[in-house]
Amino acid sequence: MTDRKGQQKSRQADLALGLASWAMSVSLADVPPAGRHVELAPDAATREAVAKAAGVLAMPRLHAAFDLTPYGNDGLQVVGRVTASVEQACVVTLEPLTNEIDESVELLFTPPRELPKAAG
């Protein structure tokens, strides 16, 4: 019998693995002033890892498109869309159902600012 903490740790590990399977690093220096367009379409193995991390049966389609633009002197703005087909079990009948995901993404990345030193 698995306890709740064990299940939660396992789920967190699955989530980390799924996200690591579908990660991309971009340096601010790699984004020209006019911006950069990025599209991500993971292979079947990566979609399987992401599906496992999300706790769904399968993810037959997953696609992301982002426009990256510099923000201020040292920031990055990311605007785009993530779409997917997700197969999951119905909570009533346990039959597989397919749902379509279409989510917009708007993120702003800036470096951390140094906090004032505490007197002491």
C-alpha atoms as a PDB file:
ATOM      1  CA  MET A   1       0.000   0.000   0.000  1.00  0.00           C
ATOM      2  CA  THR A   2       1.419   3.393  -1.012  1.00  0.00           C
ATOM      3  CA  ASP A   3       0.943   6.329   1.342  1.00  0.00           C
ATOM      4  CA  ARG A   4      -0.165   9.799   0.215  1.00  0.00           C
ATOM      5  CA  LYS A   5       3.276  11.357   0.672  1.00  0.00           C
ATOM      6  CA  GLY A   6       4.809   8.618  -1.473  1.00  0.00           C
ATOM      7  CA  GLN A   7       2.200   9.194  -4.177  1.00  0.00           C
ATOM      8  CA  GLN A   8       2.766  12.941  -4.052  1.00  0.00           C
ATOM      9  CA  LYS A   9       6.553  12.551  -4.356  1.00  0.00           C
ATOM     10  CA  SER A  10       6.106  10.133  -7.253  1.00  0.00           C
ATOM     11  CA  ARG A  11       3.748  12.570  -9.006  1.00  0.00           C
ATOM     12  CA  GLN A  12       6.217  15.436  -8.472  1.00  0.00           C
ATOM     13  CA  ALA A  13       9.024  13.305  -9.924  1.00  0.00           C
ATOM     14  CA  ASP A  14       6.842  12.445 -12.940  1.00  0.00           C
ATOM     15  CA  LEU A  15       6.021  16.127 -13.422  1.00  0.00           C
ATOM     16  CA  ALA A  16       9.700  17.118 -13.256  1.00  0.00           C
ATOM     17  CA  LEU A  17      10.583  14.388 -15.771  1.00  0.00           C
ATOM     18  CA  GLY A  18       7.791  15.427 -18.127  1.00  0.00           C
ATOM     19  CA  LEU A  19       8.744  19.085 -18.009  1.00  0.00           C
ATOM     20  CA  ALA A  20      12.449  18.304 -18.402  1.00  0.00           C
ATOM     21  CA  SER A  21      11.571  16.228 -21.466  1.00  0.00           C
ATOM     22  CA  TRP A  22      10.033  19.289 -23.089  1.00  0.00           C
ATOM     23  CA  ALA A  23      12.300  22.143 -22.074  1.00  0.00           C
ATOM     24  CA  MET A  24      14.128  24.718 -24.131  1.00  0.00           C
ATOM     25  CA  SER A  25      16.659  27.285 -22.952  1.00  0.00           C
ATOM     26  CA  VAL A  26      16.963  30.614 -24.719  1.00  0.00           C
ATOM     27  CA  SER A  27      19.572  33.220 -23.924  1.00  0.00           C
ATOM     28  CA  LEU A  28      18.517  36.844 -24.093  1.00  0.00           C
ATOM     29  CA  ALA A  29      21.518  37.367 -26.399  1.00  0.00           C
ATOM     30  CA  ASP A  30      19.881  34.939 -28.868  1.00  0.00           C
ATOM     31  CA  VAL A  31      16.795  37.133 -29.239  1.00  0.00           C
ATOM     32  CA  PRO A  32      17.262  40.000 -31.724  1.00  0.00           C
ATOM     33  CA  PRO A  33      15.605  43.375 -31.063  1.00  0.00           C
ATOM     34  CA  ALA A  34      12.883  42.504 -33.590  1.00  0.00           C
ATOM     35  CA  GLY A  35      12.145  39.282 -31.686  1.00  0.00           C
ATOM     36  CA  ARG A  36      12.306  35.563 -32.360  1.00  0.00           C
ATOM     37  CA  HIS A  37       9.577  33.017 -33.165  1.00  0.00           C
ATOM     38  CA  VAL A  38       9.871  29.532 -31.644  1.00  0.00           C
ATOM     39  CA  GLU A  39       7.720  26.473 -32.347  1.00  0.00           C
ATOM     40  CA  LEU A  40       7.871  23.261 -30.341  1.00  0.00           C
ATOM     41  CA  ALA A  41       6.369  19.963 -31.498  1.00  0.00           C
ATOM     42  CA  PRO A  42       7.649  17.124 -29.301  1.00  0.00           C
ATOM     43  CA  ASP A  43       8.108  13.561 -30.511  1.00  0.00           C
ATOM     44  CA  ALA A  44       5.994  10.624 -29.283  1.00  0.00           C
ATOM     45  CA  ALA A  45       8.351   9.720 -26.410  1.00  0.00           C
ATOM     46  CA  THR A  46       8.314  13.275 -25.085  1.00  0.00           C
ATOM     47  CA  ARG A  47       4.516  13.516 -25.398  1.00  0.00           C
ATOM     48  CA  GLU A  48       4.292  10.248 -23.443  1.00  0.00           C
ATOM     49  CA  ALA A  49       6.493  11.679 -20.661  1.00  0.00           C
ATOM     50  CA  VAL A  50       4.426  14.881 -20.534  1.00  0.00           C
ATOM     51  CA  ALA A  51       1.179  12.853 -20.455  1.00  0.00           C
ATOM     52  CA  LYS A  52       2.494  10.756 -17.571  1.00  0.00           C
ATOM     53  CA  ALA A  53       3.550  13.913 -15.729  1.00  0.00           C
ATOM     54  CA  ALA A  54       0.093  15.425 -16.273  1.00  0.00           C
ATOM     55  CA  GLY A  55      -1.632  12.251 -15.091  1.00  0.00           C
ATOM     56  CA  VAL A  56      -3.527  11.643 -18.335  1.00  0.00           C
ATOM     57  CA  LEU A  57      -3.760   8.511 -20.506  1.00  0.00           C
ATOM     58  CA  ALA A  58      -2.120   9.959 -23.615  1.00  0.00           C
ATOM     59  CA  MET A  59      -1.264  13.136 -25.463  1.00  0.00           C
ATOM     60  CA  PRO A  60      -1.437  12.354 -29.185  1.00  0.00           C
ATOM     61  CA  ARG A  61      -0.842  15.997 -30.166  1.00  0.00           C
ATOM     62  CA  LEU A  62       1.124  18.762 -28.444  1.00  0.00           C
ATOM     63  CA  HIS A  63       2.319  21.980 -30.047  1.00  0.00           C
ATOM     64  CA  ALA A  64       3.539  25.340 -28.785  1.00  0.00           C
ATOM     65  CA  ALA A  65       4.313  28.546 -30.671  1.00  0.00           C
ATOM     66  CA  PHE A  66       5.909  31.540 -28.942  1.00  0.00           C
ATOM     67  CA  ASP A  67       7.059  35.006 -29.940  1.00  0.00           C
ATOM     68  CA  LEU A  68      10.016  36.134 -27.812  1.00  0.00           C
ATOM     69  CA  THR A  69      10.878  39.818 -27.625  1.00  0.00           C
ATOM     70  CA  PRO A  70      13.337  41.761 -25.478  1.00  0.00           C
ATOM     71  CA  TYR A  71      11.733  43.622 -22.575  1.00  0.00           C
ATOM     72  CA  GLY A  72      13.581  46.635 -21.219  1.00  0.00           C
ATOM     73  CA  ASN A  73      17.345  46.282 -20.826  1.00  0.00           C
ATOM     74  CA  ASP A  74      17.486  42.758 -19.438  1.00  0.00           C
ATOM     75  CA  GLY A  75      14.077  41.117 -19.682  1.00  0.00           C
ATOM     76  CA  LEU A  76      12.238  38.845 -22.081  1.00  0.00           C
ATOM     77  CA  GLN A  77       8.563  38.819 -23.011  1.00  0.00           C
ATOM     78  CA  VAL A  78       7.025  35.549 -24.220  1.00  0.00           C
ATOM     79  CA  VAL A  79       3.620  35.504 -25.903  1.00  0.00           C
ATOM     80  CA  GLY A  80       2.143  32.485 -27.600  1.00  0.00           C
ATOM     81  CA  ARG A  81      -0.167  29.520 -27.547  1.00  0.00           C
ATOM     82  CA  VAL A  82      -0.061  25.876 -26.448  1.00  0.00           C
ATOM     83  CA  THR A  83      -2.437  23.402 -28.091  1.00  0.00           C
ATOM     84  CA  ALA A  84      -2.879  19.698 -27.442  1.00  0.00           C
ATOM     85  CA  SER A  85      -5.171  16.709 -27.710  1.00  0.00           C
ATOM     86  CA  VAL A  86      -5.397  14.953 -24.360  1.00  0.00           C
ATOM     87  CA  GLU A  87      -6.884  11.531 -23.661  1.00  0.00           C
ATOM     88  CA  GLN A  88      -8.081  11.006 -20.116  1.00  0.00           C
ATOM     89  CA  ALA A  89     -10.411   8.645 -18.279  1.00  0.00           C
ATOM     90  CA  CYS A  90     -13.977   9.782 -17.600  1.00  0.00           C
ATOM     91  CA  VAL A  91     -14.423  10.138 -13.831  1.00  0.00           C
ATOM     92  CA  VAL A  92     -17.816   8.405 -14.017  1.00  0.00           C
ATOM     93  CA  THR A  93     -17.431   5.590 -16.567  1.00  0.00           C
ATOM     94  CA  LEU A  94     -13.605   5.390 -16.748  1.00  0.00           C
ATOM     95  CA  GLU A  95     -13.977   5.331 -20.544  1.00  0.00           C
ATOM     96  CA  PRO A  96     -11.286   7.282 -22.408  1.00  0.00           C
ATOM     97  CA  LEU A  97     -12.279  10.777 -23.513  1.00  0.00           C
ATOM     98  CA  THR A  98     -10.395  13.155 -25.778  1.00  0.00           C
ATOM     99  CA  ASN A  99     -10.236  16.829 -24.878  1.00  0.00           C
ATOM    100  CA  GLU A 100      -8.737  19.672 -26.867  1.00  0.00           C
ATOM    101  CA  ILE A 101      -6.500  22.179 -25.107  1.00  0.00           C
ATOM    102  CA  ASP A 102      -5.917  25.665 -26.521  1.00  0.00           C
ATOM    103  CA  GLU A 103      -4.278  28.041 -24.045  1.00  0.00           C
ATOM    104  CA  SER A 104      -2.675  31.407 -24.573  1.00  0.00           C
ATOM    105  CA  VAL A 105       0.599  32.153 -22.802  1.00  0.00           C
ATOM    106  CA  GLU A 106       1.895  35.552 -21.727  1.00  0.00           C
ATOM    107  CA  LEU A 107       5.043  35.600 -19.583  1.00  0.00           C
ATOM    108  CA  LEU A 108       7.556  38.218 -18.590  1.00  0.00           C
ATOM    109  CA  PHE A 109      11.019  37.144 -17.460  1.00  0.00           C
ATOM    110  CA  THR A 110      13.237  39.627 -15.646  1.00  0.00           C
ATOM    111  CA  PRO A 111      16.355  39.042 -13.564  1.00  0.00           C
ATOM    112  CA  PRO A 112      15.889  39.078  -9.798  1.00  0.00           C
ATOM    113  CA  ARG A 113      16.523  42.413  -8.192  1.00  0.00           C
ATOM    114  CA  GLU A 114      18.861  42.567  -5.215  1.00  0.00           C
ATOM    115  CA  LEU A 115      17.015  43.248  -1.984  1.00  0.00           C
ATOM    116  CA  PRO A 116      18.403  45.841   0.420  1.00  0.00           C
ATOM    117  CA  LYS A 117      20.695  44.399   3.074  1.00  0.00           C
ATOM    118  CA  ALA A 118      19.108  44.170   6.526  1.00  0.00           C
ATOM    119  CA  ALA A 119      20.720  46.351   9.164  1.00  0.00           C
ATOM    120  CA  GLY A 120      22.153  44.351  11.910  1.00  0.00           C
END
